[in-house]
Each structure stands twice: as C-alpha cells, then as structure tokens.
Amino acid sequence: YLNAANEILTRGNMHLTLLQDTITGKCDEIIQLEETILNFLQRRVGNDDTFRPACVFVNENAMAERMSRNEVGKIVTSVALRIEVTYSTNKRFAEKLKNGGNRQT
C-alpha cells in the first residue's frame, strides 16, 4: 500500500530477454509472467528506505522473438520483452536522487 505522506509513485522500463519457446501472448501467460517478475523484483530490489517495486506490466506491443542455431545446429529461440515497472518510492530518497545524491536529508 502507498503511504501518501511518505511515498510517491515512479515508473521505469526494463528489458528482459528469455531463452525459451515463444510467448503466445495469452492473458493467463502474460499475467503469470508479470507476477513472476514482480515477485522476483520485490525480493531483490530496493527496501523501505529507498523504493519498492509495486506493479509490473508486460507491454505486449513491445515483444520480439528470434530463432537461431546454437553451436551444434539446434534451433534456439529467444524472446525480448519491454516491461514497465511502477515503484513506490520514499520521498526522502527521491529528493536525494533529485539533488544528485549529495544532500543530507
């Protein structure tokens, strides 16, 4: 939950490339991917004093798939995704970033 007195929402993009078969783009598959990415980020990125990942959105219009052969001639598929991430950012941390990280708050 967002604490409006101490937090703001910020947004950014990340790119993820997966070595796997094609992503069909079905709703259930996209939701499962978003939940997996959000869970991963929440466990490994930020903290209460900086920022916390709050929401992940896979942009279905920003997917690319490539098929190529590996060193033994087998077909390898990779899928590249653009993912929008919304963060709950501590206002003090955001102000520190805005000031170049040099100001004590």
PDB file of N, CA and C in Angstrom:
ATOM      1  N   TYR A   1       0.826  -1.183   0.000  1.00  0.00           N
ATOM      2  CA  TYR A   1       0.000   0.000   0.000  1.00  0.00           C
ATOM      3  C   TYR A   1       0.868   1.243   0.000  1.00  0.00           C
ATOM      4  N   LEU A   2       0.410   2.266  -0.705  1.00  0.00           N
ATOM      5  CA  LEU A   2       1.146   3.517  -0.798  1.00  0.00           C
ATOM      6  C   LEU A   2       0.837   4.390   0.404  1.00  0.00           C
ATOM      7  N   ASN A   3       1.876   4.866   1.067  1.00  0.00           N
ATOM      8  CA  ASN A   3       1.743   5.816   2.155  1.00  0.00           C
ATOM      9  C   ASN A   3       1.935   7.201   1.547  1.00  0.00           C
ATOM     10  N   ALA A   4       0.843   7.894   1.253  1.00  0.00           N
ATOM     11  CA  ALA A   4       0.902   9.156   0.512  1.00  0.00           C
ATOM     12  C   ALA A   4       1.722  10.228   1.220  1.00  0.00           C
ATOM     13  N   ALA A   5       1.843  10.139   2.518  1.00  0.00           N
ATOM     14  CA  ALA A   5       2.617  11.142   3.252  1.00  0.00           C
ATOM     15  C   ALA A   5       4.113  10.971   3.024  1.00  0.00           C
ATOM     16  N   ASN A   6       4.563   9.752   2.764  1.00  0.00           N
ATOM     17  CA  ASN A   6       5.998   9.483   2.682  1.00  0.00           C
ATOM     18  C   ASN A   6       6.460   8.895   1.362  1.00  0.00           C
ATOM     19  N   GLU A   7       5.542   8.575   0.453  1.00  0.00           N
ATOM     20  CA  GLU A   7       5.926   7.877  -0.772  1.00  0.00           C
ATOM     21  C   GLU A   7       5.292   8.507  -2.001  1.00  0.00           C
ATOM     22  N   ILE A   8       5.973   8.336  -3.124  1.00  0.00           N
ATOM     23  CA  ILE A   8       5.443   8.741  -4.421  1.00  0.00           C
ATOM     24  C   ILE A   8       5.588   7.558  -5.369  1.00  0.00           C
ATOM     25  N   LEU A   9       4.819   7.567  -6.449  1.00  0.00           N
ATOM     26  CA  LEU A   9       4.948   6.527  -7.461  1.00  0.00           C
ATOM     27  C   LEU A   9       5.897   7.005  -8.546  1.00  0.00           C
ATOM     28  N   THR A  10       6.828   6.159  -8.906  1.00  0.00           N
ATOM     29  CA  THR A  10       7.735   6.434 -10.009  1.00  0.00           C
ATOM     30  C   THR A  10       7.661   5.263 -10.975  1.00  0.00           C
ATOM     31  N   ARG A  11       8.068   5.498 -12.208  1.00  0.00           N
ATOM     32  CA  ARG A  11       7.940   4.455 -13.218  1.00  0.00           C
ATOM     33  C   ARG A  11       9.198   4.383 -14.063  1.00  0.00           C
ATOM     34  N   GLY A  12       9.505   3.174 -14.509  1.00  0.00           N
ATOM     35  CA  GLY A  12      10.640   2.980 -15.397  1.00  0.00           C
ATOM     36  C   GLY A  12      10.418   1.756 -16.262  1.00  0.00           C
ATOM     37  N   ASN A  13      11.292   1.558 -17.211  1.00  0.00           N
ATOM     38  CA  ASN A  13      11.215   0.406 -18.099  1.00  0.00           C
ATOM     39  C   ASN A  13      12.435  -0.477 -17.903  1.00  0.00           C
ATOM     40  N   MET A  14      12.236  -1.737 -18.116  1.00  0.00           N
ATOM     41  CA  MET A  14      13.356  -2.672 -18.150  1.00  0.00           C
ATOM     42  C   MET A  14      13.158  -3.588 -19.340  1.00  0.00           C
ATOM     43  N   HIS A  15      14.234  -4.134 -19.837  1.00  0.00           N
ATOM     44  CA  HIS A  15      14.172  -5.078 -20.948  1.00  0.00           C
ATOM     45  C   HIS A  15      14.649  -6.426 -20.442  1.00  0.00           C
ATOM     46  N   LEU A  16      13.955  -7.466 -20.848  1.00  0.00           N
ATOM     47  CA  LEU A  16      14.253  -8.818 -20.406  1.00  0.00           C
ATOM     48  C   LEU A  16      14.292  -9.722 -21.623  1.00  0.00           C
ATOM     49  N   THR A  17      15.334 -10.514 -21.731  1.00  0.00           N
ATOM     50  CA  THR A  17      15.435 -11.491 -22.807  1.00  0.00           C
ATOM     51  C   THR A  17      15.420 -12.878 -22.193  1.00  0.00           C
ATOM     52  N   LEU A  18      14.544 -13.720 -22.695  1.00  0.00           N
ATOM     53  CA  LEU A  18      14.396 -15.081 -22.206  1.00  0.00           C
ATOM     54  C   LEU A  18      14.800 -16.061 -23.295  1.00  0.00           C
ATOM     55  N   LEU A  19      15.545 -17.087 -22.929  1.00  0.00           N
ATOM     56  CA  LEU A  19      15.846 -18.167 -23.863  1.00  0.00           C
ATOM     57  C   LEU A  19      14.794 -19.234 -23.631  1.00  0.00           C
ATOM     58  N   GLN A  20      13.791 -19.218 -24.473  1.00  0.00           N
ATOM     59  CA  GLN A  20      12.675 -20.143 -24.318  1.00  0.00           C
ATOM     60  C   GLN A  20      11.866 -20.184 -25.597  1.00  0.00           C
ATOM     61  N   ASP A  21      10.903 -21.072 -25.606  1.00  0.00           N
ATOM     62  CA  ASP A  21       9.980 -21.111 -26.735  1.00  0.00           C
ATOM     63  C   ASP A  21       9.166 -19.830 -26.749  1.00  0.00           C
ATOM     64  N   THR A  22       8.454 -19.649 -27.803  1.00  0.00           N
ATOM     65  CA  THR A  22       7.684 -18.441 -27.991  1.00  0.00           C
ATOM     66  C   THR A  22       6.705 -18.179 -26.847  1.00  0.00           C
ATOM     67  N   ILE A  23       6.433 -16.908 -26.618  1.00  0.00           N
ATOM     68  CA  ILE A  23       5.387 -16.495 -25.684  1.00  0.00           C
ATOM     69  C   ILE A  23       4.157 -16.232 -26.534  1.00  0.00           C
ATOM     70  N   THR A  24       3.079 -16.907 -26.222  1.00  0.00           N
ATOM     71  CA  THR A  24       1.879 -16.815 -27.057  1.00  0.00           C
ATOM     72  C   THR A  24       1.155 -15.488 -26.901  1.00  0.00           C
ATOM     73  N   GLY A  25       1.340 -14.828 -25.774  1.00  0.00           N
ATOM     74  CA  GLY A  25       0.643 -13.570 -25.548  1.00  0.00           C
ATOM     75  C   GLY A  25      -0.744 -13.758 -24.964  1.00  0.00           C
ATOM     76  N   LYS A  26      -1.075 -15.002 -24.601  1.00  0.00           N
ATOM     77  CA  LYS A  26      -2.368 -15.234 -23.962  1.00  0.00           C
ATOM     78  C   LYS A  26      -2.390 -14.536 -22.607  1.00  0.00           C
ATOM     79  N   CYS A  27      -3.556 -14.080 -22.215  1.00  0.00           N
ATOM     80  CA  CYS A  27      -3.719 -13.311 -20.990  1.00  0.00           C
ATOM     81  C   CYS A  27      -3.151 -14.034 -19.774  1.00  0.00           C
ATOM     82  N   ASP A  28      -3.485 -15.303 -19.592  1.00  0.00           N
ATOM     83  CA  ASP A  28      -3.005 -16.054 -18.430  1.00  0.00           C
ATOM     84  C   ASP A  28      -1.483 -16.140 -18.409  1.00  0.00           C
ATOM     85  N   GLU A  29      -0.885 -16.312 -19.574  1.00  0.00           N
ATOM     86  CA  GLU A  29       0.568 -16.420 -19.658  1.00  0.00           C
ATOM     87  C   GLU A  29       1.238 -15.085 -19.312  1.00  0.00           C
ATOM     88  N   ILE A  30       0.683 -13.990 -19.797  1.00  0.00           N
ATOM     89  CA  ILE A  30       1.227 -12.659 -19.507  1.00  0.00           C
ATOM     90  C   ILE A  30       1.089 -12.343 -18.017  1.00  0.00           C
ATOM     91  N   ILE A  31      -0.058 -12.643 -17.437  1.00  0.00           N
ATOM     92  CA  ILE A  31      -0.267 -12.392 -16.005  1.00  0.00           C
ATOM     93  C   ILE A  31       0.725 -13.201 -15.173  1.00  0.00           C
ATOM     94  N   GLN A  32       0.924 -14.442 -15.512  1.00  0.00           N
ATOM     95  CA  GLN A  32       1.879 -15.284 -14.781  1.00  0.00           C
ATOM     96  C   GLN A  32       3.292 -14.711 -14.894  1.00  0.00           C
ATOM     97  N   LEU A  33       3.660 -14.241 -16.070  1.00  0.00           N
ATOM     98  CA  LEU A  33       4.977 -13.633 -16.271  1.00  0.00           C
ATOM     99  C   LEU A  33       5.110 -12.358 -15.438  1.00  0.00           C
ATOM    100  N   GLU A  34       4.088 -11.511 -15.441  1.00  0.00           N
ATOM    101  CA  GLU A  34       4.120 -10.282 -14.645  1.00  0.00           C
ATOM    102  C   GLU A  34       4.245 -10.586 -13.159  1.00  0.00           C
ATOM    103  N   GLU A  35       3.495 -11.563 -12.676  1.00  0.00           N
ATOM    104  CA  GLU A  35       3.558 -11.928 -11.260  1.00  0.00           C
ATOM    105  C   GLU A  35       4.934 -12.469 -10.886  1.00  0.00           C
ATOM    106  N   THR A  36       5.522 -13.257 -11.769  1.00  0.00           N
ATOM    107  CA  THR A  36       6.853 -13.818 -11.506  1.00  0.00           C
ATOM    108  C   THR A  36       7.903 -12.714 -11.448  1.00  0.00           C
ATOM    109  N   ILE A  37       7.852 -11.788 -12.388  1.00  0.00           N
ATOM    110  CA  ILE A  37       8.818 -10.687 -12.417  1.00  0.00           C
ATOM    111  C   ILE A  37       8.652  -9.795 -11.197  1.00  0.00           C
ATOM    112  N   LEU A  38       7.409  -9.449 -10.847  1.00  0.00           N
ATOM    113  CA  LEU A  38       7.164  -8.600  -9.685  1.00  0.00           C
ATOM    114  C   LEU A  38       7.666  -9.270  -8.409  1.00  0.00           C
ATOM    115  N   ASN A  39       7.374 -10.539  -8.248  1.00  0.00           N
ATOM    116  CA  ASN A  39       7.827 -11.280  -7.077  1.00  0.00           C
ATOM    117  C   ASN A  39       9.357 -11.286  -7.001  1.00  0.00           C
ATOM    118  N   PHE A  40      10.019 -11.523  -8.124  1.00  0.00           N
ATOM    119  CA  PHE A  40      11.477 -11.521  -8.179  1.00  0.00           C
ATOM    120  C   PHE A  40      12.035 -10.158  -7.767  1.00  0.00           C
ATOM    121  N   LEU A  41      11.490  -9.082  -8.356  1.00  0.00           N
ATOM    122  CA  LEU A  41      11.978  -7.742  -8.044  1.00  0.00           C
ATOM    123  C   LEU A  41      11.725  -7.358  -6.588  1.00  0.00           C
ATOM    124  N   GLN A  42      10.544  -7.708  -6.069  1.00  0.00           N
ATOM    125  CA  GLN A  42      10.216  -7.351  -4.687  1.00  0.00           C
ATOM    126  C   GLN A  42      11.177  -7.995  -3.691  1.00  0.00           C
ATOM    127  N   ARG A  43      11.660  -9.177  -4.006  1.00  0.00           N
ATOM    128  CA  ARG A  43      12.588  -9.870  -3.093  1.00  0.00           C
ATOM    129  C   ARG A  43      14.022  -9.368  -3.229  1.00  0.00           C
ATOM    130  N   ARG A  44      14.362  -8.718  -4.340  1.00  0.00           N
ATOM    131  CA  ARG A  44      15.769  -8.421  -4.604  1.00  0.00           C
ATOM    132  C   ARG A  44      16.113  -6.950  -4.853  1.00  0.00           C
ATOM    133  N   VAL A  45      15.118  -6.084  -4.987  1.00  0.00           N
ATOM    134  CA  VAL A  45      15.400  -4.702  -5.376  1.00  0.00           C
ATOM    135  C   VAL A  45      14.777  -3.738  -4.375  1.00  0.00           C
ATOM    136  N   GLY A  46      15.577  -2.794  -3.890  1.00  0.00           N
ATOM    137  CA  GLY A  46      15.082  -1.739  -3.025  1.00  0.00           C
ATOM    138  C   GLY A  46      14.739  -2.206  -1.617  1.00  0.00           C
ATOM    139  N   ASN A  47      14.266  -1.238  -0.816  1.00  0.00           N
ATOM    140  CA  ASN A  47      13.825  -1.502   0.554  1.00  0.00           C
ATOM    141  C   ASN A  47      12.926  -0.357   0.991  1.00  0.00           C
ATOM    142  N   ASP A  48      12.449  -0.376   2.217  1.00  0.00           N
ATOM    143  CA  ASP A  48      11.511   0.647   2.690  1.00  0.00           C
ATOM    144  C   ASP A  48      12.123   2.049   2.706  1.00  0.00           C
ATOM    145  N   ASP A  49      13.451   2.152   2.800  1.00  0.00           N
ATOM    146  CA  ASP A  49      14.108   3.457   2.841  1.00  0.00           C
ATOM    147  C   ASP A  49      14.371   4.037   1.450  1.00  0.00           C
ATOM    148  N   THR A  50      14.228   3.226   0.411  1.00  0.00           N
ATOM    149  CA  THR A  50      14.509   3.701  -0.940  1.00  0.00           C
ATOM    150  C   THR A  50      13.265   3.571  -1.813  1.00  0.00           C
ATOM    151  N   PHE A  51      13.031   2.404  -2.350  1.00  0.00           N
ATOM    152  CA  PHE A  51      11.882   2.162  -3.221  1.00  0.00           C
ATOM    153  C   PHE A  51      11.536   0.684  -3.186  1.00  0.00           C
ATOM    154  N   ARG A  52      10.296   0.384  -3.582  1.00  0.00           N
ATOM    155  CA  ARG A  52       9.823  -0.998  -3.661  1.00  0.00           C
ATOM    156  C   ARG A  52       9.053  -1.178  -4.962  1.00  0.00           C
ATOM    157  N   PRO A  53       9.332  -2.223  -5.722  1.00  0.00           N
ATOM    158  CA  PRO A  53       8.513  -2.498  -6.908  1.00  0.00           C
ATOM    159  C   PRO A  53       7.067  -2.735  -6.483  1.00  0.00           C
ATOM    160  N   ALA A  54       6.126  -2.062  -7.151  1.00  0.00           N
ATOM    161  CA  ALA A  54       4.719  -2.166  -6.775  1.00  0.00           C
ATOM    162  C   ALA A  54       3.865  -2.811  -7.853  1.00  0.00           C
ATOM    163  N   CYS A  55       4.254  -2.642  -9.125  1.00  0.00           N
ATOM    164  CA  CYS A  55       3.438  -3.150 -10.217  1.00  0.00           C
ATOM    165  C   CYS A  55       4.325  -3.383 -11.435  1.00  0.00           C
ATOM    166  N   VAL A  56       4.020  -4.441 -12.179  1.00  0.00           N
ATOM    167  CA  VAL A  56       4.761  -4.772 -13.399  1.00  0.00           C
ATOM    168  C   VAL A  56       3.760  -4.966 -14.527  1.00  0.00           C
ATOM    169  N   PHE A  57       4.091  -4.412 -15.694  1.00  0.00           N
ATOM    170  CA  PHE A  57       3.233  -4.542 -16.863  1.00  0.00           C
ATOM    171  C   PHE A  57       4.085  -4.939 -18.058  1.00  0.00           C
ATOM    172  N   VAL A  58       3.779  -6.087 -18.655  1.00  0.00           N
ATOM    173  CA  VAL A  58       4.465  -6.529 -19.863  1.00  0.00           C
ATOM    174  C   VAL A  58       3.781  -5.863 -21.048  1.00  0.00           C
ATOM    175  N   ASN A  59       4.532  -5.065 -21.776  1.00  0.00           N
ATOM    176  CA  ASN A  59       3.986  -4.370 -22.942  1.00  0.00           C
ATOM    177  C   ASN A  59       3.905  -5.364 -24.101  1.00  0.00           C
ATOM    178  N   GLU A  60       2.703  -5.826 -24.395  1.00  0.00           N
ATOM    179  CA  GLU A  60       2.510  -6.843 -25.427  1.00  0.00           C
ATOM    180  C   GLU A  60       2.857  -6.335 -26.828  1.00  0.00           C
ATOM    181  N   ASN A  61       2.924  -5.019 -26.989  1.00  0.00           N
ATOM    182  CA  ASN A  61       3.293  -4.452 -28.282  1.00  0.00           C
ATOM    183  C   ASN A  61       4.800  -4.263 -28.413  1.00  0.00           C
ATOM    184  N   ALA A  62       5.536  -4.654 -27.392  1.00  0.00           N
ATOM    185  CA  ALA A  62       6.994  -4.492 -27.410  1.00  0.00           C
ATOM    186  C   ALA A  62       7.665  -5.828 -27.112  1.00  0.00           C
ATOM    187  N   MET A  63       7.313  -6.833 -27.885  1.00  0.00           N
ATOM    188  CA  MET A  63       7.919  -8.160 -27.783  1.00  0.00           C
ATOM    189  C   MET A  63       8.585  -8.488 -29.108  1.00  0.00           C
ATOM    190  N   ALA A  64       9.714  -9.149 -29.015  1.00  0.00           N
ATOM    191  CA  ALA A  64      10.393  -9.591 -30.238  1.00  0.00           C
ATOM    192  C   ALA A  64      10.899 -11.006 -30.022  1.00  0.00           C
ATOM    193  N   GLU A  65      10.808 -11.805 -31.043  1.00  0.00           N
ATOM    194  CA  GLU A  65      11.251 -13.200 -30.969  1.00  0.00           C
ATOM    195  C   GLU A  65      12.292 -13.437 -32.049  1.00  0.00           C
ATOM    196  N   ARG A  66      13.288 -14.205 -31.695  1.00  0.00           N
ATOM    197  CA  ARG A  66      14.333 -14.530 -32.664  1.00  0.00           C
ATOM    198  C   ARG A  66      14.694 -16.005 -32.547  1.00  0.00           C
ATOM    199  N   MET A  67      14.808 -16.638 -33.687  1.00  0.00           N
ATOM    200  CA  MET A  67      15.216 -18.034 -33.731  1.00  0.00           C
ATOM    201  C   MET A  67      16.569 -18.107 -34.431  1.00  0.00           C
ATOM    202  N   SER A  68      17.488 -18.873 -33.853  1.00  0.00           N
ATOM    203  CA  SER A  68      18.802 -19.064 -34.466  1.00  0.00           C
ATOM    204  C   SER A  68      19.302 -20.459 -34.105  1.00  0.00           C
ATOM    205  N   ARG A  69      20.428 -20.814 -34.622  1.00  0.00           N
ATOM    206  CA  ARG A  69      21.019 -22.130 -34.339  1.00  0.00           C
ATOM    207  C   ARG A  69      22.174 -21.973 -33.363  1.00  0.00           C
ATOM    208  N   ASN A  70      22.256 -22.922 -32.433  1.00  0.00           N
ATOM    209  CA  ASN A  70      23.374 -22.892 -31.495  1.00  0.00           C
ATOM    210  C   ASN A  70      24.593 -23.569 -32.123  1.00  0.00           C
ATOM    211  N   GLU A  71      25.646 -23.788 -31.337  1.00  0.00           N
ATOM    212  CA  GLU A  71      26.906 -24.310 -31.868  1.00  0.00           C
ATOM    213  C   GLU A  71      26.814 -25.740 -32.408  1.00  0.00           C
ATOM    214  N   VAL A  72      25.777 -26.479 -32.011  1.00  0.00           N
ATOM    215  CA  VAL A  72      25.614 -27.843 -32.536  1.00  0.00           C
ATOM    216  C   VAL A  72      24.471 -27.929 -33.546  1.00  0.00           C
ATOM    217  N   GLY A  73      23.989 -26.772 -33.981  1.00  0.00           N
ATOM    218  CA  GLY A  73      22.988 -26.739 -35.034  1.00  0.00           C
ATOM    219  C   GLY A  73      21.541 -26.835 -34.595  1.00  0.00           C
ATOM    220  N   LYS A  74      21.284 -26.883 -33.303  1.00  0.00           N
ATOM    221  CA  LYS A  74      19.901 -26.934 -32.817  1.00  0.00           C
ATOM    222  C   LYS A  74      19.287 -25.540 -32.817  1.00  0.00           C
ATOM    223  N   ILE A  75      17.977 -25.501 -33.044  1.00  0.00           N
ATOM    224  CA  ILE A  75      17.238 -24.228 -33.046  1.00  0.00           C
ATOM    225  C   ILE A  75      17.101 -23.725 -31.605  1.00  0.00           C
ATOM    226  N   VAL A  76      17.435 -22.463 -31.404  1.00  0.00           N
ATOM    227  CA  VAL A  76      17.306 -21.801 -30.104  1.00  0.00           C
ATOM    228  C   VAL A  76      16.401 -20.591 -30.311  1.00  0.00           C
ATOM    229  N   THR A  77      15.424 -20.435 -29.431  1.00  0.00           N
ATOM    230  CA  THR A  77      14.501 -19.305 -29.516  1.00  0.00           C
ATOM    231  C   THR A  77      14.751 -18.362 -28.348  1.00  0.00           C
ATOM    232  N   SER A  78      14.789 -17.071 -28.628  1.00  0.00           N
ATOM    233  CA  SER A  78      14.866 -16.071 -27.564  1.00  0.00           C
ATOM    234  C   SER A  78      13.726 -15.080 -27.755  1.00  0.00           C
ATOM    235  N   VAL A  79      13.219 -14.591 -26.642  1.00  0.00           N
ATOM    236  CA  VAL A  79      12.127 -13.629 -26.647  1.00  0.00           C
ATOM    237  C   VAL A  79      12.583 -12.416 -25.841  1.00  0.00           C
ATOM    238  N   ALA A  80      12.475 -11.238 -26.436  1.00  0.00           N
ATOM    239  CA  ALA A  80      12.818  -9.994 -25.752  1.00  0.00           C
ATOM    240  C   ALA A  80      11.527  -9.248 -25.413  1.00  0.00           C
ATOM    241  N   LEU A  81      11.472  -8.725 -24.201  1.00  0.00           N
ATOM    242  CA  LEU A  81      10.274  -8.038 -23.706  1.00  0.00           C
ATOM    243  C   LEU A  81      10.638  -6.680 -23.132  1.00  0.00           C
ATOM    244  N   ARG A  82       9.755  -5.707 -23.314  1.00  0.00           N
ATOM    245  CA  ARG A  82       9.883  -4.442 -22.589  1.00  0.00           C
ATOM    246  C   ARG A  82       8.854  -4.478 -21.468  1.00  0.00           C
ATOM    247  N   ILE A  83       9.311  -4.219 -20.267  1.00  0.00           N
ATOM    248  CA  ILE A  83       8.472  -4.324 -19.085  1.00  0.00           C
ATOM    249  C   ILE A  83       8.443  -2.978 -18.373  1.00  0.00           C
ATOM    250  N   GLU A  84       7.251  -2.492 -18.097  1.00  0.00           N
ATOM    251  CA  GLU A  84       7.079  -1.254 -17.343  1.00  0.00           C
ATOM    252  C   GLU A  84       6.946  -1.617 -15.864  1.00  0.00           C
ATOM    253  N   VAL A  85       7.744  -0.952 -15.030  1.00  0.00           N
ATOM    254  CA  VAL A  85       7.722  -1.220 -13.594  1.00  0.00           C
ATOM    255  C   VAL A  85       7.354   0.069 -12.866  1.00  0.00           C
ATOM    256  N   THR A  86       6.367  -0.016 -11.978  1.00  0.00           N
ATOM    257  CA  THR A  86       5.992   1.107 -11.120  1.00  0.00           C
ATOM    258  C   THR A  86       6.533   0.826  -9.732  1.00  0.00           C
ATOM    259  N   TYR A  87       7.164   1.850  -9.164  1.00  0.00           N
ATOM    260  CA  TYR A  87       7.777   1.723  -7.837  1.00  0.00           C
ATOM    261  C   TYR A  87       7.091   2.654  -6.852  1.00  0.00           C
ATOM    262  N   SER A  88       7.017   2.221  -5.613  1.00  0.00           N
ATOM    263  CA  SER A  88       6.641   3.079  -4.505  1.00  0.00           C
ATOM    264  C   SER A  88       7.967   3.609  -3.958  1.00  0.00           C
ATOM    265  N   THR A  89       8.197   4.909  -4.126  1.00  0.00           N
ATOM    266  CA  THR A  89       9.497   5.497  -3.797  1.00  0.00           C
ATOM    267  C   THR A  89       9.383   6.400  -2.574  1.00  0.00           C
ATOM    268  N   ASN A  90      10.285   6.181  -1.621  1.00  0.00           N
ATOM    269  CA  ASN A  90      10.350   7.009  -0.427  1.00  0.00           C
ATOM    270  C   ASN A  90      10.646   8.453  -0.852  1.00  0.00           C
ATOM    271  N   LYS A  91       9.855   9.422  -0.369  1.00  0.00           N
ATOM    272  CA  LYS A  91      10.014  10.819  -0.781  1.00  0.00           C
ATOM    273  C   LYS A  91      11.400  11.359  -0.443  1.00  0.00           C
ATOM    274  N   ARG A  92      11.946  10.982   0.695  1.00  0.00           N
ATOM    275  CA  ARG A  92      13.290  11.453   1.071  1.00  0.00           C
ATOM    276  C   ARG A  92      14.334  10.912   0.100  1.00  0.00           C
ATOM    277  N   PHE A  93      14.186   9.659  -0.289  1.00  0.00           N
ATOM    278  CA  PHE A  93      15.114   9.059  -1.243  1.00  0.00           C
ATOM    279  C   PHE A  93      14.977   9.732  -2.609  1.00  0.00           C
ATOM    280  N   ALA A  94      13.749  10.006  -3.050  1.00  0.00           N
ATOM    281  CA  ALA A  94      13.519  10.673  -4.334  1.00  0.00           C
ATOM    282  C   ALA A  94      14.146  12.067  -4.333  1.00  0.00           C
ATOM    283  N   GLU A  95      14.016  12.774  -3.228  1.00  0.00           N
ATOM    284  CA  GLU A  95      14.613  14.107  -3.120  1.00  0.00           C
ATOM    285  C   GLU A  95      16.138  14.018  -3.170  1.00  0.00           C
ATOM    286  N   LYS A  96      16.682  13.024  -2.530  1.00  0.00           N
ATOM    287  CA  LYS A  96      18.141  12.825  -2.548  1.00  0.00           C
ATOM    288  C   LYS A  96      18.617  12.555  -3.978  1.00  0.00           C
ATOM    289  N   LEU A  97      17.882  11.724  -4.722  1.00  0.00           N
ATOM    290  CA  LEU A  97      18.239  11.451  -6.116  1.00  0.00           C
ATOM    291  C   LEU A  97      18.149  12.705  -6.964  1.00  0.00           C
ATOM    292  N   LYS A  98      17.098  13.466  -6.727  1.00  0.00           N
ATOM    293  CA  LYS A  98      16.867  14.696  -7.480  1.00  0.00           C
ATOM    294  C   LYS A  98      18.011  15.687  -7.296  1.00  0.00           C
ATOM    295  N   ASN A  99      18.604  15.676  -6.102  1.00  0.00           N
ATOM    296  CA  ASN A  99      19.701  16.583  -5.787  1.00  0.00           C
ATOM    297  C   ASN A  99      21.074  15.949  -6.040  1.00  0.00           C
ATOM    298  N   GLY A 100      21.106  14.899  -6.804  1.00  0.00           N
ATOM    299  CA  GLY A 100      22.361  14.279  -7.159  1.00  0.00           C
ATOM    300  C   GLY A 100      22.923  13.353  -6.092  1.00  0.00           C
ATOM    301  N   GLY A 101      22.152  13.056  -5.085  1.00  0.00           N
ATOM    302  CA  GLY A 101      22.594  12.137  -4.035  1.00  0.00           C
ATOM    303  C   GLY A 101      23.559  12.731  -3.044  1.00  0.00           C
ATOM    304  N   ASN A 102      23.819  14.057  -3.131  1.00  0.00           N
ATOM    305  CA  ASN A 102      24.818  14.681  -2.268  1.00  0.00           C
ATOM    306  C   ASN A 102      24.242  15.345  -1.032  1.00  0.00           C
ATOM    307  N   ARG A 103      22.955  15.602  -1.045  1.00  0.00           N
ATOM    308  CA  ARG A 103      22.340  16.350   0.050  1.00  0.00           C
ATOM    309  C   ARG A 103      21.918  15.415   1.174  1.00  0.00           C
ATOM    310  N   GLN A 104      22.232  15.784   2.390  1.00  0.00           N
ATOM    311  CA  GLN A 104      21.783  15.030   3.564  1.00  0.00           C
ATOM    312  C   GLN A 104      20.369  15.456   3.889  1.00  0.00           C
ATOM    313  N   THR A 105      19.480  14.460   4.123  1.00  0.00           N
ATOM    314  CA  THR A 105      18.101  14.797   4.477  1.00  0.00           C
ATOM    315  C   THR A 105      17.778  14.283   5.848  1.00  0.00           C
TER     316      THR A 105
END
